Amino acid sequence: MIEINKINKRYKGTYALQSISLKIELDGKIYGLVGPNGSGKTSLISILSGFINSDSGTISGVEKNSFGSFIGTESFLDHLTVYEWLYFIQQLKNKTIDDSEINELITLLNMGEESNKKIKSLSYGRKQRLGIISAIIGKPKLVIFDEPLNGLDPSGVFLFKKTISWLVDHKISVLYSSHRLDDLANYCNHLFLLNRGKLLFDGDFESFIQLGNGNIEESYNSLVV
């Protein structure tokens, strides 16, 4: 379990996160993260991913290379092929080169035809798929997705659903950040809602929907408007 206890983060004196405490079970549960622009979602993801430090508070249960992340703005070594890139990512995560795992994930995201192509030749949507594979390779305990459906066509969205099922089957938990309430409702068991740096909701999705008498938009607006 990952436990976040009273995390604070300020930029130029303004709180991006204020005394945030939450728990994430590492058992294949899908957690949604939602909130308006400027609510603190990116800061929370960045702290969890190790990109920035909090000003105060603690995070326990985090182990080296126990995270995978796809934040929608991936940078690739474009001169590498898809296979070469995934070999590189395995090594970066201190994992032994495993062709069977790479082939499984390439098949899962239907990128077999692109496996020997250079990344620079891929479309934006295919690079998004590659970013998803990069996040889940090595079977981390937690995968962080930030707007993972951006740039995906209907086939890509369908394959992402299969990927979520694959993660659940392998007991890999997900923190899924999005502005799309319907997407979160489709995938998530549990929801965190941030607004102005504060955690306003932490509970199961069904309880959240009932705040708006069954209307997800009403539930959201009851907390943030």
Protein backbone atom coordinates (compact mmCIF):
# COMPACT_ATOMS: atom_id res chain seq x y z
CA MET A 1 0.00 0.00 0.00
CA ILE A 2 1.10 3.54 -0.78
CA GLU A 3 0.22 6.03 1.95
CA ILE A 4 0.41 9.75 1.33
CA ASN A 5 0.32 11.72 4.55
CA LYS A 6 -0.24 15.48 4.72
CA ILE A 7 1.60 16.38 1.52
CA ASN A 8 2.04 20.11 0.87
CA LYS A 9 3.39 21.85 -2.21
CA ARG A 10 3.58 25.58 -2.85
CA TYR A 11 4.67 27.63 -5.84
CA LYS A 12 5.58 31.24 -5.12
CA GLY A 13 3.64 31.13 -1.87
CA THR A 14 0.45 29.64 -3.38
CA TYR A 15 -0.60 26.15 -2.37
CA ALA A 16 -0.82 23.64 -5.22
CA LEU A 17 -1.44 20.87 -2.68
CA GLN A 18 -2.58 21.43 0.87
CA SER A 19 -2.36 18.67 3.48
CA ILE A 20 -3.22 15.85 1.06
CA SER A 21 -3.59 12.41 2.63
CA LEU A 22 -4.74 9.32 0.75
CA LYS A 23 -4.05 5.61 0.33
CA ILE A 24 -3.58 3.49 -2.79
CA GLU A 25 -3.86 -0.28 -2.52
CA LEU A 26 -1.47 -2.20 -4.77
CA ASP A 27 -3.86 -5.00 -5.66
CA GLY A 28 -5.19 -4.22 -9.12
CA LYS A 29 -7.60 -1.45 -8.17
CA ILE A 30 -8.30 1.43 -10.56
CA TYR A 31 -8.24 4.87 -8.93
CA GLY A 32 -9.56 7.94 -10.71
CA LEU A 33 -8.11 11.40 -10.20
CA VAL A 34 -10.19 14.38 -11.28
CA GLY A 35 -10.45 18.11 -10.69
CA PRO A 36 -10.51 21.44 -12.51
CA ASN A 37 -7.45 22.96 -14.13
CA GLY A 38 -5.15 24.16 -11.38
CA SER A 39 -6.58 21.75 -8.82
CA GLY A 40 -3.22 20.12 -8.06
CA LYS A 41 -3.51 16.92 -10.10
CA THR A 42 -0.28 17.45 -12.02
CA SER A 43 1.63 18.32 -8.85
CA LEU A 44 0.38 15.19 -7.12
CA ILE A 45 1.28 12.99 -10.10
CA SER A 46 4.71 14.62 -10.36
CA ILE A 47 5.43 14.03 -6.67
CA LEU A 48 4.28 10.41 -6.85
CA SER A 49 6.37 9.84 -9.98
CA GLY A 50 9.44 11.33 -8.32
CA PHE A 51 9.76 14.25 -10.75
CA ILE A 52 9.44 16.86 -8.00
CA ASN A 53 9.56 16.87 -4.21
CA SER A 54 6.83 17.94 -1.82
CA ASP A 55 7.56 20.76 0.61
CA SER A 56 6.40 18.67 3.56
CA GLY A 57 4.56 15.47 4.34
CA THR A 58 5.49 11.85 3.73
CA ILE A 59 4.93 9.06 1.22
CA SER A 60 5.42 5.46 2.35
CA GLY A 61 5.24 2.20 0.45
CA VAL A 62 7.15 3.51 -2.56
CA GLU A 63 9.92 1.26 -3.86
CA LYS A 64 12.47 1.90 -6.59
CA ASN A 65 11.09 1.04 -10.04
CA SER A 66 7.68 0.16 -8.56
CA PHE A 67 5.96 2.80 -10.74
CA GLY A 68 5.18 3.14 -14.39
CA SER A 69 3.82 6.38 -15.81
CA PHE A 70 2.30 7.68 -19.00
CA ILE A 71 1.57 11.39 -18.84
CA GLY A 72 0.68 11.97 -22.48
CA THR A 73 3.78 13.98 -23.36
CA GLU A 74 6.27 11.15 -23.75
CA SER A 75 9.73 11.78 -25.15
CA PHE A 76 11.20 9.00 -27.24
CA LEU A 77 14.56 8.32 -28.85
CA ASP A 78 13.11 8.66 -32.32
CA HIS A 79 16.05 7.01 -34.08
CA LEU A 80 15.30 3.70 -32.31
CA THR A 81 12.85 1.09 -33.52
CA VAL A 82 9.90 0.13 -31.32
CA TYR A 83 11.70 -3.06 -30.24
CA GLU A 84 14.94 -1.20 -29.49
CA TRP A 85 13.06 1.38 -27.44
CA LEU A 86 11.34 -1.30 -25.35
CA TYR A 87 14.66 -3.07 -24.76
CA PHE A 88 16.00 0.28 -23.56
CA ILE A 89 13.04 0.79 -21.21
CA GLN A 90 13.46 -2.70 -19.73
CA GLN A 91 17.10 -1.95 -18.99
CA LEU A 92 16.21 1.47 -17.59
CA LYS A 93 13.89 -0.25 -15.14
CA ASN A 94 16.72 -2.63 -14.19
CA LYS A 95 14.83 -5.53 -15.71
CA THR A 96 16.33 -8.45 -17.59
CA ILE A 97 15.68 -8.33 -21.33
CA ASP A 98 12.52 -10.39 -21.85
CA ASP A 99 11.44 -10.84 -25.47
CA SER A 100 8.29 -12.70 -24.44
CA GLU A 101 7.07 -9.76 -22.35
CA ILE A 102 7.79 -7.29 -25.15
CA ASN A 103 5.96 -9.45 -27.66
CA GLU A 104 2.99 -9.88 -25.33
CA LEU A 105 2.59 -6.13 -24.88
CA ILE A 106 3.14 -5.33 -28.54
CA THR A 107 0.36 -7.81 -29.32
CA LEU A 108 -1.86 -6.37 -26.58
CA LEU A 109 -1.65 -2.88 -28.15
CA ASN A 110 -1.68 -4.28 -31.71
CA MET A 111 1.67 -2.81 -32.74
CA GLY A 112 3.14 -5.89 -34.40
CA GLU A 113 3.37 -4.22 -37.80
CA GLU A 114 5.30 -1.30 -36.30
CA SER A 115 7.67 -3.31 -34.09
CA ASN A 116 10.66 -2.91 -36.40
CA LYS A 117 9.86 0.62 -37.55
CA LYS A 118 11.70 3.65 -36.26
CA ILE A 119 9.70 5.65 -33.75
CA LYS A 120 10.05 8.83 -35.80
CA SER A 121 7.91 7.22 -38.51
CA LEU A 122 4.96 6.49 -36.18
CA SER A 123 1.77 8.51 -36.06
CA TYR A 124 0.83 10.40 -32.90
CA GLY A 125 -1.71 7.74 -31.95
CA ARG A 126 0.81 4.93 -32.37
CA LYS A 127 3.29 6.82 -30.21
CA GLN A 128 0.56 7.04 -27.57
CA ARG A 129 0.21 3.27 -27.70
CA LEU A 130 3.98 2.91 -27.37
CA GLY A 131 3.91 5.23 -24.36
CA ILE A 132 1.32 2.99 -22.71
CA ILE A 133 3.47 -0.09 -23.33
CA SER A 134 6.48 1.75 -21.89
CA ALA A 135 4.53 2.48 -18.71
CA ILE A 136 3.38 -1.07 -18.06
CA ILE A 137 6.46 -3.01 -19.15
CA GLY A 138 8.14 -4.76 -16.23
CA LYS A 139 4.80 -5.13 -14.42
CA PRO A 140 5.16 -2.24 -11.95
CA LYS A 141 3.00 -2.22 -8.83
CA LEU A 142 1.32 1.06 -9.84
CA VAL A 143 0.80 2.66 -13.24
CA ILE A 144 -0.05 6.36 -13.50
CA PHE A 145 -2.01 7.44 -16.57
CA ASP A 146 -2.68 11.12 -17.34
CA GLU A 147 -5.26 11.56 -20.11
CA PRO A 148 -4.19 8.30 -21.79
CA LEU A 149 -6.95 8.37 -24.42
CA ASN A 150 -5.75 11.60 -26.06
CA GLY A 151 -4.87 10.91 -29.67
CA LEU A 152 -6.26 7.37 -29.70
CA ASP A 153 -8.70 6.36 -32.42
CA PRO A 154 -11.65 4.03 -31.59
CA SER A 155 -9.44 0.98 -32.09
CA GLY A 156 -6.86 2.44 -29.73
CA VAL A 157 -9.54 3.14 -27.11
CA PHE A 158 -10.75 -0.46 -27.39
CA LEU A 159 -7.19 -1.73 -26.92
CA PHE A 160 -6.73 0.55 -23.93
CA LYS A 161 -9.78 -1.11 -22.32
CA LYS A 162 -8.10 -4.47 -22.89
CA THR A 163 -4.93 -3.06 -21.33
CA ILE A 164 -6.85 -2.03 -18.20
CA SER A 165 -8.22 -5.58 -17.94
CA TRP A 166 -4.68 -6.94 -18.38
CA LEU A 167 -3.44 -4.72 -15.55
CA VAL A 168 -6.25 -5.83 -13.24
CA ASP A 169 -5.57 -9.49 -14.07
CA HIS A 170 -1.92 -8.95 -13.10
CA LYS A 171 -2.86 -7.16 -9.85
CA ILE A 172 -1.32 -3.89 -11.05
CA SER A 173 -3.08 -0.83 -9.66
CA VAL A 174 -3.74 2.28 -11.74
CA LEU A 175 -4.02 5.97 -10.92
CA TYR A 176 -5.99 7.39 -13.84
CA SER A 177 -6.12 11.18 -14.16
CA SER A 178 -8.62 12.67 -16.59
CA HIS A 179 -11.11 15.48 -17.14
CA ARG A 180 -13.46 13.01 -18.80
CA LEU A 181 -15.94 11.94 -16.15
CA ASP A 182 -17.52 9.26 -18.34
CA ASP A 183 -14.14 7.63 -18.93
CA LEU A 184 -13.42 7.58 -15.22
CA ALA A 185 -16.84 6.07 -14.56
CA ASN A 186 -16.12 3.33 -17.11
CA TYR A 187 -12.79 2.31 -15.62
CA CYS A 188 -12.46 3.31 -11.98
CA ASN A 189 -13.46 1.68 -8.70
CA HIS A 190 -12.42 4.59 -6.52
CA LEU A 191 -12.18 8.36 -7.03
CA PHE A 192 -10.04 11.18 -5.69
CA LEU A 193 -11.32 14.70 -6.45
CA LEU A 194 -9.04 17.68 -5.99
CA ASN A 195 -9.95 21.36 -6.08
CA ARG A 196 -7.67 24.28 -5.30
CA GLY A 197 -5.10 21.95 -3.79
CA LYS A 198 -7.49 20.22 -1.40
CA LEU A 199 -8.86 16.68 -1.48
CA LEU A 200 -12.64 17.07 -1.54
CA PHE A 201 -13.67 13.47 -2.23
CA ASP A 202 -12.01 10.14 -1.48
CA GLY A 203 -14.32 7.17 -1.93
CA ASP A 204 -15.86 4.55 -4.17
CA PHE A 205 -17.30 5.70 -7.48
CA GLU A 206 -20.86 4.66 -6.67
CA SER A 207 -20.87 6.91 -3.60
CA PHE A 208 -19.59 9.78 -5.73
CA ILE A 209 -22.37 9.37 -8.30
CA GLN A 210 -24.99 9.35 -5.55
CA LEU A 211 -23.91 12.87 -4.54
CA GLY A 212 -25.71 14.02 -7.70
CA ASN A 213 -28.61 11.57 -7.41
CA GLY A 214 -27.12 9.35 -10.08
CA ASN A 215 -25.87 12.14 -12.35
CA ILE A 216 -22.08 12.21 -12.57
CA GLU A 217 -21.88 15.83 -13.77
CA GLU A 218 -24.13 16.95 -10.91
CA SER A 219 -21.91 15.08 -8.46
CA TYR A 220 -18.81 16.82 -9.80
CA ASN A 221 -20.37 20.29 -9.83
CA SER A 222 -21.72 19.89 -6.31
CA LEU A 223 -18.13 19.78 -5.08
CA VAL A 224 -16.22 22.15 -7.35
CA VAL A 225 -18.66 24.91 -8.39
